[in-house]
Amino acid sequence: MLKSTLVVVAVSIAAGATIRASAFAIFAFLVVTALGGVIMLKGSSLTEAVVSCVEVLVLMEICYLAGLFAFSLWHIQKRRKKNSITERSHVTGKRPHG
């Protein structure tokens, strides 16, 4: 279960940086449905399967939001750096290199 949790966390964080929320919602629903099926096939009760699926879904959503937040911060910093280089070229009259 730990390995699958780590995979879910990594995929959710990466998804936060790359895909839209609606696509992630569909992806999360499919993953949680498949996980619920596997838990049920292992012989667990329906209640245990539902609780495990809700836990994984909450973890996926938190990691998605963390990835989205981190990517947004990185993108803002990148844009600020680019704008500061552009502003300096207007002040000095020289073009930025690179």
C-alpha atoms as a PDB file:
ATOM      1  CA  MET A   1       0.000   0.000   0.000  1.00  0.00           C
ATOM      2  CA  LEU A   2       2.926   2.352   0.688  1.00  0.00           C
ATOM      3  CA  LYS A   3       4.275   1.950  -2.846  1.00  0.00           C
ATOM      4  CA  SER A   4       0.906   2.698  -4.399  1.00  0.00           C
ATOM      5  CA  THR A   5       0.503   5.721  -2.118  1.00  0.00           C
ATOM      6  CA  LEU A   6       3.876   7.088  -3.186  1.00  0.00           C
ATOM      7  CA  VAL A   7       2.948   6.583  -6.839  1.00  0.00           C
ATOM      8  CA  VAL A   8      -0.386   8.343  -6.300  1.00  0.00           C
ATOM      9  CA  VAL A   9       1.356  11.266  -4.599  1.00  0.00           C
ATOM     10  CA  ALA A  10       3.977  11.625  -7.335  1.00  0.00           C
ATOM     11  CA  VAL A  11       1.441  11.386 -10.150  1.00  0.00           C
ATOM     12  CA  SER A  12      -0.912  13.845  -8.470  1.00  0.00           C
ATOM     13  CA  ILE A  13       1.813  16.432  -7.943  1.00  0.00           C
ATOM     14  CA  ALA A  14       2.957  16.073 -11.549  1.00  0.00           C
ATOM     15  CA  ALA A  15      -0.646  16.343 -12.714  1.00  0.00           C
ATOM     16  CA  GLY A  16      -1.041  19.595 -10.808  1.00  0.00           C
ATOM     17  CA  ALA A  17       1.646  21.098 -12.997  1.00  0.00           C
ATOM     18  CA  THR A  18       0.416  19.750 -16.306  1.00  0.00           C
ATOM     19  CA  ILE A  19      -3.297  19.009 -16.628  1.00  0.00           C
ATOM     20  CA  ARG A  20      -6.568  20.810 -15.968  1.00  0.00           C
ATOM     21  CA  ALA A  21      -8.733  20.146 -12.948  1.00  0.00           C
ATOM     22  CA  SER A  22     -11.508  18.469 -14.950  1.00  0.00           C
ATOM     23  CA  ALA A  23      -9.080  15.997 -16.509  1.00  0.00           C
ATOM     24  CA  PHE A  24      -7.577  15.279 -13.111  1.00  0.00           C
ATOM     25  CA  ALA A  25     -11.024  14.713 -11.609  1.00  0.00           C
ATOM     26  CA  ILE A  26     -11.776  12.079 -14.246  1.00  0.00           C
ATOM     27  CA  PHE A  27      -8.344  10.499 -13.730  1.00  0.00           C
ATOM     28  CA  ALA A  28      -8.770  10.460  -9.937  1.00  0.00           C
ATOM     29  CA  PHE A  29     -12.222   8.903 -10.213  1.00  0.00           C
ATOM     30  CA  LEU A  30     -10.893   6.119 -12.456  1.00  0.00           C
ATOM     31  CA  VAL A  31      -7.925   5.423 -10.160  1.00  0.00           C
ATOM     32  CA  VAL A  32     -10.080   5.338  -7.042  1.00  0.00           C
ATOM     33  CA  THR A  33     -12.665   3.105  -8.730  1.00  0.00           C
ATOM     34  CA  ALA A  34      -9.959   0.660  -9.790  1.00  0.00           C
ATOM     35  CA  LEU A  35      -8.443   0.738  -6.308  1.00  0.00           C
ATOM     36  CA  GLY A  36     -11.836   0.032  -4.781  1.00  0.00           C
ATOM     37  CA  GLY A  37     -12.236  -2.952  -7.086  1.00  0.00           C
ATOM     38  CA  VAL A  38      -8.844  -4.334  -6.094  1.00  0.00           C
ATOM     39  CA  ILE A  39      -9.611  -3.881  -2.400  1.00  0.00           C
ATOM     40  CA  MET A  40     -12.941  -5.650  -2.828  1.00  0.00           C
ATOM     41  CA  LEU A  41     -11.264  -8.539  -4.706  1.00  0.00           C
ATOM     42  CA  LYS A  42      -8.835  -8.997  -1.816  1.00  0.00           C
ATOM     43  CA  GLY A  43     -11.791  -9.828   0.403  1.00  0.00           C
ATOM     44  CA  SER A  44     -12.275  -6.606   2.325  1.00  0.00           C
ATOM     45  CA  SER A  45     -15.713  -5.366   3.242  1.00  0.00           C
ATOM     46  CA  LEU A  46     -17.489  -2.669   1.295  1.00  0.00           C
ATOM     47  CA  THR A  47     -17.070  -0.230   4.174  1.00  0.00           C
ATOM     48  CA  GLU A  48     -13.295  -0.740   4.297  1.00  0.00           C
ATOM     49  CA  ALA A  49     -13.062  -0.320   0.524  1.00  0.00           C
ATOM     50  CA  VAL A  50     -15.066   2.920   0.583  1.00  0.00           C
ATOM     51  CA  VAL A  51     -13.013   4.355   3.449  1.00  0.00           C
ATOM     52  CA  SER A  52      -9.732   3.469   1.707  1.00  0.00           C
ATOM     53  CA  CYS A  53     -10.940   4.987  -1.558  1.00  0.00           C
ATOM     54  CA  VAL A  54     -11.995   8.218   0.127  1.00  0.00           C
ATOM     55  CA  GLU A  55      -8.610   8.445   1.859  1.00  0.00           C
ATOM     56  CA  VAL A  56      -6.769   7.985  -1.437  1.00  0.00           C
ATOM     57  CA  LEU A  57      -9.047  10.483  -3.184  1.00  0.00           C
ATOM     58  CA  VAL A  58      -8.405  13.119  -0.500  1.00  0.00           C
ATOM     59  CA  LEU A  59      -4.660  12.469  -0.720  1.00  0.00           C
ATOM     60  CA  MET A  60      -4.779  12.810  -4.509  1.00  0.00           C
ATOM     61  CA  GLU A  61      -6.663  16.099  -4.337  1.00  0.00           C
ATOM     62  CA  ILE A  62      -4.285  17.565  -1.743  1.00  0.00           C
ATOM     63  CA  CYS A  63      -1.252  16.548  -3.803  1.00  0.00           C
ATOM     64  CA  TYR A  64      -2.841  17.924  -6.983  1.00  0.00           C
ATOM     65  CA  LEU A  65      -3.432  21.279  -5.309  1.00  0.00           C
ATOM     66  CA  ALA A  66       0.112  21.290  -3.901  1.00  0.00           C
ATOM     67  CA  GLY A  67       1.523  20.610  -7.358  1.00  0.00           C
ATOM     68  CA  LEU A  68      -0.659  23.304  -8.894  1.00  0.00           C
ATOM     69  CA  PHE A  69       0.408  25.802  -6.229  1.00  0.00           C
ATOM     70  CA  ALA A  70       4.110  24.967  -6.597  1.00  0.00           C
ATOM     71  CA  PHE A  71       3.949  25.199 -10.389  1.00  0.00           C
ATOM     72  CA  SER A  72       2.155  28.551 -10.183  1.00  0.00           C
ATOM     73  CA  LEU A  73       4.803  29.948  -7.831  1.00  0.00           C
ATOM     74  CA  TRP A  74       7.584  28.695 -10.088  1.00  0.00           C
ATOM     75  CA  HIS A  75       5.894  30.207 -13.142  1.00  0.00           C
ATOM     76  CA  ILE A  76       5.468  33.586 -11.399  1.00  0.00           C
ATOM     77  CA  GLN A  77       9.132  33.627 -10.359  1.00  0.00           C
ATOM     78  CA  LYS A  78      10.191  32.750 -13.889  1.00  0.00           C
ATOM     79  CA  ARG A  79       8.063  35.575 -15.299  1.00  0.00           C
ATOM     80  CA  ARG A  80       9.426  38.079 -12.752  1.00  0.00           C
ATOM     81  CA  LYS A  81      12.967  37.163 -13.650  1.00  0.00           C
ATOM     82  CA  LYS A  82      12.231  37.574 -17.345  1.00  0.00           C
ATOM     83  CA  ASN A  83      10.525  40.937 -16.780  1.00  0.00           C
ATOM     84  CA  SER A  84      13.397  42.239 -14.657  1.00  0.00           C
ATOM     85  CA  ILE A  85      15.862  41.409 -17.434  1.00  0.00           C
ATOM     86  CA  THR A  86      13.652  43.168 -19.962  1.00  0.00           C
ATOM     87  CA  GLU A  87      13.301  46.247 -17.741  1.00  0.00           C
ATOM     88  CA  ARG A  88      17.069  46.519 -17.305  1.00  0.00           C
ATOM     89  CA  SER A  89      17.587  46.557 -21.058  1.00  0.00           C
ATOM     90  CA  HIS A  90      15.324  49.622 -21.355  1.00  0.00           C
ATOM     91  CA  VAL A  91      17.277  51.438 -18.662  1.00  0.00           C
ATOM     92  CA  THR A  92      20.744  50.692 -20.031  1.00  0.00           C
ATOM     93  CA  GLY A  93      19.801  50.798 -23.682  1.00  0.00           C
ATOM     94  CA  LYS A  94      21.389  47.382 -24.259  1.00  0.00           C
ATOM     95  CA  ARG A  95      19.600  44.240 -25.362  1.00  0.00           C
ATOM     96  CA  PRO A  96      19.608  41.171 -23.090  1.00  0.00           C
ATOM     97  CA  HIS A  97      21.853  38.343 -24.213  1.00  0.00           C
ATOM     98  CA  GLY A  98      20.435  34.837 -24.516  1.00  0.00           C
END
